[in-house]
Amino acid sequence: MVTPASPLGPDVLAREDLRRALEEHDFAAAFALIKKWAGMSQNKIASACDLTPGKVSNIISGRHNVTSITVIRRIADGLGIPGALLGLSPRPWEKQDQHPSSPTAEERQPSKDVPWRPDATVGLADHLTRSDLVMNRRAATRALSAVAVTGTALLDALEGWLQPATADSRPRRRGRLGERDLDALETTARAFRSWDHQYGGGLRRKTS
């Protein structure tokens, strides 16, 4: 990635010999290649990297080796060299130039906290309970997820409803439930109690 003001073009940065020199911190070879392929004089390299022309001359001639991380960062920023080519972390200007990419399949997966529709869940669960009381947990989960949350991508998260809760030592923030949420929960609990009375089983215990 090249900064807008970078004196090096992408073709220069793509050269294997230059990339190898940068990776090895061989700035004598790197500056010589930049002079040759980018057309930069020693004075321009010095100005871009905040070095003296004499220092650049000594580096190119091999009389001085660059070992200071501060100087290496100045060279990266001055010449628009991505940090990875020099063993550095991405430079600040690299992060600014990056554009958000399209979300990947994993990023598009809904979270476990995706909102659910109580009315649809209760209605479908009622139908399933009446029609097939021996339906296994996985089959019930798949049917419920299709209407309540929509999409097979949430099956794994939804199946967690049917599993015992695991202990969580993390501090919890106080939740915010409105009257509408409380009404929906109460409706769901009443439905489970009704099924328990009519068909038996442990549905009411699960709502306790």
C-alpha atoms as a PDB file:
ATOM      1  CA  MET A   1       0.000   0.000   0.000  1.00  0.00           C
ATOM      2  CA  VAL A   2       1.400   3.378  -0.977  1.00  0.00           C
ATOM      3  CA  THR A   3       0.576   6.689   0.655  1.00  0.00           C
ATOM      4  CA  PRO A   4      -0.740   9.455  -1.667  1.00  0.00           C
ATOM      5  CA  ALA A   5       2.518  11.407  -1.258  1.00  0.00           C
ATOM      6  CA  SER A   6       4.793   8.378  -1.576  1.00  0.00           C
ATOM      7  CA  PRO A   7       7.652   8.856  -4.038  1.00  0.00           C
ATOM      8  CA  LEU A   8       7.697   5.112  -4.710  1.00  0.00           C
ATOM      9  CA  GLY A   9       5.244   3.571  -7.096  1.00  0.00           C
ATOM     10  CA  PRO A  10       3.655   0.140  -6.652  1.00  0.00           C
ATOM     11  CA  ASP A  11       5.910  -1.330  -9.345  1.00  0.00           C
ATOM     12  CA  VAL A  12       9.009  -0.312  -7.404  1.00  0.00           C
ATOM     13  CA  LEU A  13       7.688  -1.697  -4.136  1.00  0.00           C
ATOM     14  CA  ALA A  14       6.774  -4.944  -5.881  1.00  0.00           C
ATOM     15  CA  ARG A  15      10.356  -5.632  -6.964  1.00  0.00           C
ATOM     16  CA  GLU A  16      11.722  -8.780  -5.323  1.00  0.00           C
ATOM     17  CA  ASP A  17      15.224  -7.363  -4.919  1.00  0.00           C
ATOM     18  CA  LEU A  18      13.923  -4.292  -3.112  1.00  0.00           C
ATOM     19  CA  ARG A  19      11.581  -6.280  -0.904  1.00  0.00           C
ATOM     20  CA  ARG A  20      14.412  -8.637   0.030  1.00  0.00           C
ATOM     21  CA  ALA A  21      16.704  -5.716   0.882  1.00  0.00           C
ATOM     22  CA  LEU A  22      14.013  -4.114   3.036  1.00  0.00           C
ATOM     23  CA  GLU A  23      13.274  -7.378   4.812  1.00  0.00           C
ATOM     24  CA  GLU A  24      16.966  -7.792   5.645  1.00  0.00           C
ATOM     25  CA  HIS A  25      17.298  -4.104   6.606  1.00  0.00           C
ATOM     26  CA  ASP A  26      19.976  -3.793   3.947  1.00  0.00           C
ATOM     27  CA  PHE A  27      19.435  -0.078   3.392  1.00  0.00           C
ATOM     28  CA  ALA A  28      22.581   0.269   1.295  1.00  0.00           C
ATOM     29  CA  ALA A  29      20.998  -1.984  -1.332  1.00  0.00           C
ATOM     30  CA  ALA A  30      17.507  -0.566  -0.734  1.00  0.00           C
ATOM     31  CA  PHE A  31      18.543   3.064  -1.244  1.00  0.00           C
ATOM     32  CA  ALA A  32      20.583   2.127  -4.326  1.00  0.00           C
ATOM     33  CA  LEU A  33      17.574   0.359  -5.843  1.00  0.00           C
ATOM     34  CA  ILE A  34      15.298   3.276  -4.980  1.00  0.00           C
ATOM     35  CA  LYS A  35      17.718   5.652  -6.686  1.00  0.00           C
ATOM     36  CA  LYS A  36      17.774   3.455  -9.776  1.00  0.00           C
ATOM     37  CA  TRP A  37      14.126   2.511 -10.158  1.00  0.00           C
ATOM     38  CA  ALA A  38      12.310   5.423  -8.499  1.00  0.00           C
ATOM     39  CA  GLY A  39      14.658   8.079  -9.868  1.00  0.00           C
ATOM     40  CA  MET A  40      15.290   9.623  -6.459  1.00  0.00           C
ATOM     41  CA  SER A  41      18.549  11.386  -5.727  1.00  0.00           C
ATOM     42  CA  GLN A  42      20.370  11.000  -2.427  1.00  0.00           C
ATOM     43  CA  ASN A  43      19.171  14.474  -1.438  1.00  0.00           C
ATOM     44  CA  LYS A  44      15.526  13.527  -2.083  1.00  0.00           C
ATOM     45  CA  ILE A  45      15.883  10.319  -0.102  1.00  0.00           C
ATOM     46  CA  ALA A  46      17.485  12.263   2.733  1.00  0.00           C
ATOM     47  CA  SER A  47      14.736  14.885   2.718  1.00  0.00           C
ATOM     48  CA  ALA A  48      11.948  12.300   2.654  1.00  0.00           C
ATOM     49  CA  CYS A  49      13.447  10.294   5.522  1.00  0.00           C
ATOM     50  CA  ASP A  50      14.544  13.291   7.619  1.00  0.00           C
ATOM     51  CA  LEU A  51      18.213  12.338   7.227  1.00  0.00           C
ATOM     52  CA  THR A  52      21.215  14.356   6.136  1.00  0.00           C
ATOM     53  CA  PRO A  53      22.557  13.799   2.601  1.00  0.00           C
ATOM     54  CA  GLY A  54      25.859  12.771   4.173  1.00  0.00           C
ATOM     55  CA  LYS A  55      24.110  10.103   6.253  1.00  0.00           C
ATOM     56  CA  VAL A  56      22.375   8.698   3.165  1.00  0.00           C
ATOM     57  CA  SER A  57      25.694   8.683   1.309  1.00  0.00           C
ATOM     58  CA  ASN A  58      27.340   6.755   4.148  1.00  0.00           C
ATOM     59  CA  ILE A  59      24.469   4.261   4.208  1.00  0.00           C
ATOM     60  CA  ILE A  60      24.671   3.617   0.459  1.00  0.00           C
ATOM     61  CA  SER A  61      28.446   3.211   0.599  1.00  0.00           C
ATOM     62  CA  GLY A  62      28.136   0.724   3.453  1.00  0.00           C
ATOM     63  CA  ARG A  63      29.976   2.898   5.961  1.00  0.00           C
ATOM     64  CA  HIS A  64      26.899   3.194   8.154  1.00  0.00           C
ATOM     65  CA  ASN A  65      24.282   0.593   9.070  1.00  0.00           C
ATOM     66  CA  VAL A  66      20.768   1.596  10.109  1.00  0.00           C
ATOM     67  CA  THR A  67      19.851  -0.169  13.345  1.00  0.00           C
ATOM     68  CA  SER A  68      17.695   2.428  15.118  1.00  0.00           C
ATOM     69  CA  ILE A  69      14.013   1.522  15.049  1.00  0.00           C
ATOM     70  CA  THR A  70      13.207   5.239  15.072  1.00  0.00           C
ATOM     71  CA  VAL A  71      15.196   5.792  11.874  1.00  0.00           C
ATOM     72  CA  ILE A  72      13.654   2.714  10.255  1.00  0.00           C
ATOM     73  CA  ARG A  73      10.195   4.093  11.016  1.00  0.00           C
ATOM     74  CA  ARG A  74      11.165   7.438   9.490  1.00  0.00           C
ATOM     75  CA  ILE A  75      12.336   5.654   6.346  1.00  0.00           C
ATOM     76  CA  ALA A  76       9.066   3.698   6.163  1.00  0.00           C
ATOM     77  CA  ASP A  77       6.927   6.801   6.622  1.00  0.00           C
ATOM     78  CA  GLY A  78       9.043   9.049   4.413  1.00  0.00           C
ATOM     79  CA  LEU A  79       9.166   6.662   1.463  1.00  0.00           C
ATOM     80  CA  GLY A  80       5.709   5.156   1.940  1.00  0.00           C
ATOM     81  CA  ILE A  81       7.015   1.658   2.614  1.00  0.00           C
ATOM     82  CA  PRO A  82       4.447  -0.630   4.292  1.00  0.00           C
ATOM     83  CA  GLY A  83       5.512  -1.622   7.776  1.00  0.00           C
ATOM     84  CA  ALA A  84       5.309  -5.343   7.006  1.00  0.00           C
ATOM     85  CA  LEU A  85       8.141  -5.045   4.482  1.00  0.00           C
ATOM     86  CA  LEU A  86      10.424  -3.774   7.245  1.00  0.00           C
ATOM     87  CA  GLY A  87       9.211  -6.024  10.044  1.00  0.00           C
ATOM     88  CA  LEU A  88       7.181  -3.198  11.586  1.00  0.00           C
ATOM     89  CA  SER A  89       3.559  -3.053  12.591  1.00  0.00           C
ATOM     90  CA  PRO A  90       1.251  -1.348  10.070  1.00  0.00           C
ATOM     91  CA  ARG A  91       2.019   2.338   9.920  1.00  0.00           C
ATOM     92  CA  PRO A  92      -0.706   4.863  10.892  1.00  0.00           C
ATOM     93  CA  TRP A  93      -1.148   5.975   7.290  1.00  0.00           C
ATOM     94  CA  GLU A  94      -1.729   2.354   6.241  1.00  0.00           C
ATOM     95  CA  LYS A  95      -4.692   2.076   8.590  1.00  0.00           C
ATOM     96  CA  GLN A  96      -6.139   5.340   7.284  1.00  0.00           C
ATOM     97  CA  ASP A  97      -5.849   4.175   3.684  1.00  0.00           C
ATOM     98  CA  GLN A  98      -7.561   0.873   4.303  1.00  0.00           C
ATOM     99  CA  HIS A  99     -11.196   0.677   3.247  1.00  0.00           C
ATOM    100  CA  PRO A 100     -13.702  -1.595   4.962  1.00  0.00           C
ATOM    101  CA  SER A 101     -14.114  -4.787   2.987  1.00  0.00           C
ATOM    102  CA  SER A 102     -17.299  -6.725   2.466  1.00  0.00           C
ATOM    103  CA  PRO A 103     -18.138  -8.869   5.479  1.00  0.00           C
ATOM    104  CA  THR A 104     -17.078 -12.480   5.260  1.00  0.00           C
ATOM    105  CA  ALA A 105     -19.442 -15.380   5.730  1.00  0.00           C
ATOM    106  CA  GLU A 106     -18.358 -15.732   9.364  1.00  0.00           C
ATOM    107  CA  GLU A 107     -18.853 -11.998  10.003  1.00  0.00           C
ATOM    108  CA  ARG A 108     -22.356 -12.224   8.578  1.00  0.00           C
ATOM    109  CA  GLN A 109     -23.287 -14.923  11.072  1.00  0.00           C
ATOM    110  CA  PRO A 110     -25.803 -13.479  13.567  1.00  0.00           C
ATOM    111  CA  SER A 111     -24.714 -13.354  17.175  1.00  0.00           C
ATOM    112  CA  LYS A 112     -26.137 -15.432  19.969  1.00  0.00           C
ATOM    113  CA  ASP A 113     -27.928 -12.345  21.243  1.00  0.00           C
ATOM    114  CA  VAL A 114     -30.024 -11.856  18.104  1.00  0.00           C
ATOM    115  CA  PRO A 115     -33.543 -10.663  19.021  1.00  0.00           C
ATOM    116  CA  TRP A 116     -36.242 -13.341  18.918  1.00  0.00           C
ATOM    117  CA  ARG A 117     -39.967 -13.023  18.281  1.00  0.00           C
ATOM    118  CA  PRO A 118     -41.906 -14.283  21.299  1.00  0.00           C
ATOM    119  CA  ASP A 119     -45.237 -14.471  19.462  1.00  0.00           C
ATOM    120  CA  ALA A 120     -43.874 -16.595  16.626  1.00  0.00           C
ATOM    121  CA  THR A 121     -41.902 -18.780  19.012  1.00  0.00           C
ATOM    122  CA  VAL A 122     -44.885 -19.479  21.256  1.00  0.00           C
ATOM    123  CA  GLY A 123     -47.187 -20.145  18.317  1.00  0.00           C
ATOM    124  CA  LEU A 124     -44.903 -22.606  16.609  1.00  0.00           C
ATOM    125  CA  ALA A 125     -43.890 -24.310  19.840  1.00  0.00           C
ATOM    126  CA  ASP A 126     -47.569 -24.783  20.668  1.00  0.00           C
ATOM    127  CA  HIS A 127     -48.140 -26.388  17.262  1.00  0.00           C
ATOM    128  CA  LEU A 128     -45.137 -28.671  17.638  1.00  0.00           C
ATOM    129  CA  THR A 129     -46.127 -29.714  21.140  1.00  0.00           C
ATOM    130  CA  ARG A 130     -49.649 -30.594  20.094  1.00  0.00           C
ATOM    131  CA  SER A 131     -48.661 -32.415  16.916  1.00  0.00           C
ATOM    132  CA  ASP A 132     -45.696 -34.439  18.117  1.00  0.00           C
ATOM    133  CA  LEU A 133     -44.915 -34.764  21.785  1.00  0.00           C
ATOM    134  CA  VAL A 134     -42.070 -37.169  21.117  1.00  0.00           C
ATOM    135  CA  MET A 135     -40.142 -34.865  18.762  1.00  0.00           C
ATOM    136  CA  ASN A 136     -36.474 -34.940  19.664  1.00  0.00           C
ATOM    137  CA  ARG A 137     -34.656 -31.807  20.773  1.00  0.00           C
ATOM    138  CA  ARG A 138     -32.684 -31.281  17.587  1.00  0.00           C
ATOM    139  CA  ALA A 139     -35.767 -31.558  15.375  1.00  0.00           C
ATOM    140  CA  ALA A 140     -37.689 -29.150  17.581  1.00  0.00           C
ATOM    141  CA  THR A 141     -34.809 -26.685  17.552  1.00  0.00           C
ATOM    142  CA  ARG A 142     -34.573 -26.713  13.771  1.00  0.00           C
ATOM    143  CA  ALA A 143     -38.294 -26.162  13.332  1.00  0.00           C
ATOM    144  CA  LEU A 144     -38.433 -23.377  15.908  1.00  0.00           C
ATOM    145  CA  SER A 145     -35.447 -21.572  14.445  1.00  0.00           C
ATOM    146  CA  ALA A 146     -36.996 -21.382  10.981  1.00  0.00           C
ATOM    147  CA  VAL A 147     -39.814 -19.128  12.186  1.00  0.00           C
ATOM    148  CA  ALA A 148     -38.671 -17.619  15.438  1.00  0.00           C
ATOM    149  CA  VAL A 149     -35.311 -16.335  14.341  1.00  0.00           C
ATOM    150  CA  THR A 150     -35.248 -17.146  10.601  1.00  0.00           C
ATOM    151  CA  GLY A 151     -32.264 -18.773   9.031  1.00  0.00           C
ATOM    152  CA  THR A 152     -30.386 -22.007   9.570  1.00  0.00           C
ATOM    153  CA  ALA A 153     -27.285 -20.020  10.486  1.00  0.00           C
ATOM    154  CA  LEU A 154     -28.678 -19.563  14.016  1.00  0.00           C
ATOM    155  CA  LEU A 155     -29.338 -23.227  14.760  1.00  0.00           C
ATOM    156  CA  ASP A 156     -26.272 -23.719  16.908  1.00  0.00           C
ATOM    157  CA  ALA A 157     -26.984 -20.616  18.971  1.00  0.00           C
ATOM    158  CA  LEU A 158     -30.644 -21.550  19.341  1.00  0.00           C
ATOM    159  CA  GLU A 159     -29.842 -25.061  20.511  1.00  0.00           C
ATOM    160  CA  GLY A 160     -28.234 -23.480  23.543  1.00  0.00           C
ATOM    161  CA  TRP A 161     -31.745 -22.724  24.829  1.00  0.00           C
ATOM    162  CA  LEU A 162     -32.203 -26.452  25.423  1.00  0.00           C
ATOM    163  CA  GLN A 163     -28.901 -26.993  27.227  1.00  0.00           C
ATOM    164  CA  PRO A 164     -28.108 -26.314  30.900  1.00  0.00           C
ATOM    165  CA  ALA A 165     -26.613 -22.902  31.484  1.00  0.00           C
ATOM    166  CA  THR A 166     -22.902 -22.835  32.231  1.00  0.00           C
ATOM    167  CA  ALA A 167     -21.460 -20.895  35.113  1.00  0.00           C
ATOM    168  CA  ASP A 168     -20.259 -17.441  34.122  1.00  0.00           C
ATOM    169  CA  SER A 169     -17.980 -15.532  36.473  1.00  0.00           C
ATOM    170  CA  ARG A 170     -17.927 -12.376  34.357  1.00  0.00           C
ATOM    171  CA  PRO A 171     -19.556  -9.303  35.931  1.00  0.00           C
ATOM    172  CA  ARG A 172     -22.963  -8.640  34.444  1.00  0.00           C
ATOM    173  CA  ARG A 173     -24.397  -5.247  33.663  1.00  0.00           C
ATOM    174  CA  ARG A 174     -27.887  -4.536  34.796  1.00  0.00           C
ATOM    175  CA  GLY A 175     -30.279  -5.309  31.967  1.00  0.00           C
ATOM    176  CA  ARG A 176     -33.000  -3.024  30.728  1.00  0.00           C
ATOM    177  CA  LEU A 177     -36.373  -4.708  30.241  1.00  0.00           C
ATOM    178  CA  GLY A 178     -39.424  -2.769  29.274  1.00  0.00           C
ATOM    179  CA  GLU A 179     -43.042  -3.617  29.972  1.00  0.00           C
ATOM    180  CA  ARG A 180     -43.362  -5.113  26.503  1.00  0.00           C
ATOM    181  CA  ASP A 181     -40.494  -7.521  27.210  1.00  0.00           C
ATOM    182  CA  LEU A 182     -41.981  -8.542  30.549  1.00  0.00           C
ATOM    183  CA  ASP A 183     -45.386  -9.147  28.956  1.00  0.00           C
ATOM    184  CA  ALA A 184     -43.798 -11.337  26.291  1.00  0.00           C
ATOM    185  CA  LEU A 185     -41.911 -13.382  28.886  1.00  0.00           C
ATOM    186  CA  GLU A 186     -45.019 -13.792  30.995  1.00  0.00           C
ATOM    187  CA  THR A 187     -46.992 -14.954  27.946  1.00  0.00           C
ATOM    188  CA  THR A 188     -44.311 -17.513  27.139  1.00  0.00           C
ATOM    189  CA  ALA A 189     -44.218 -18.791  30.727  1.00  0.00           C
ATOM    190  CA  ARG A 190     -48.009 -19.144  30.798  1.00  0.00           C
ATOM    191  CA  ALA A 191     -47.919 -21.129  27.571  1.00  0.00           C
ATOM    192  CA  PHE A 192     -45.347 -23.544  28.991  1.00  0.00           C
ATOM    193  CA  ARG A 193     -47.388 -23.999  32.167  1.00  0.00           C
ATOM    194  CA  SER A 194     -50.478 -24.692  30.083  1.00  0.00           C
ATOM    195  CA  TRP A 195     -48.671 -27.369  28.064  1.00  0.00           C
ATOM    196  CA  ASP A 196     -47.364 -28.921  31.271  1.00  0.00           C
ATOM    197  CA  HIS A 197     -50.863 -29.192  32.694  1.00  0.00           C
ATOM    198  CA  GLN A 198     -52.309 -30.600  29.461  1.00  0.00           C
ATOM    199  CA  TYR A 199     -49.560 -32.953  28.345  1.00  0.00           C
ATOM    200  CA  GLY A 200     -47.329 -33.479  31.362  1.00  0.00           C
ATOM    201  CA  GLY A 201     -43.544 -33.326  31.213  1.00  0.00           C
ATOM    202  CA  GLY A 202     -41.001 -30.789  32.395  1.00  0.00           C
ATOM    203  CA  LEU A 203     -41.914 -27.727  30.338  1.00  0.00           C
ATOM    204  CA  ARG A 204     -43.069 -25.761  33.363  1.00  0.00           C
ATOM    205  CA  ARG A 205     -39.870 -26.535  35.227  1.00  0.00           C
ATOM    206  CA  LYS A 206     -37.817 -25.110  32.346  1.00  0.00           C
ATOM    207  CA  THR A 207     -39.539 -21.732  32.763  1.00  0.00           C
ATOM    208  CA  SER A 208     -38.869 -21.524  36.495  1.00  0.00           C
END
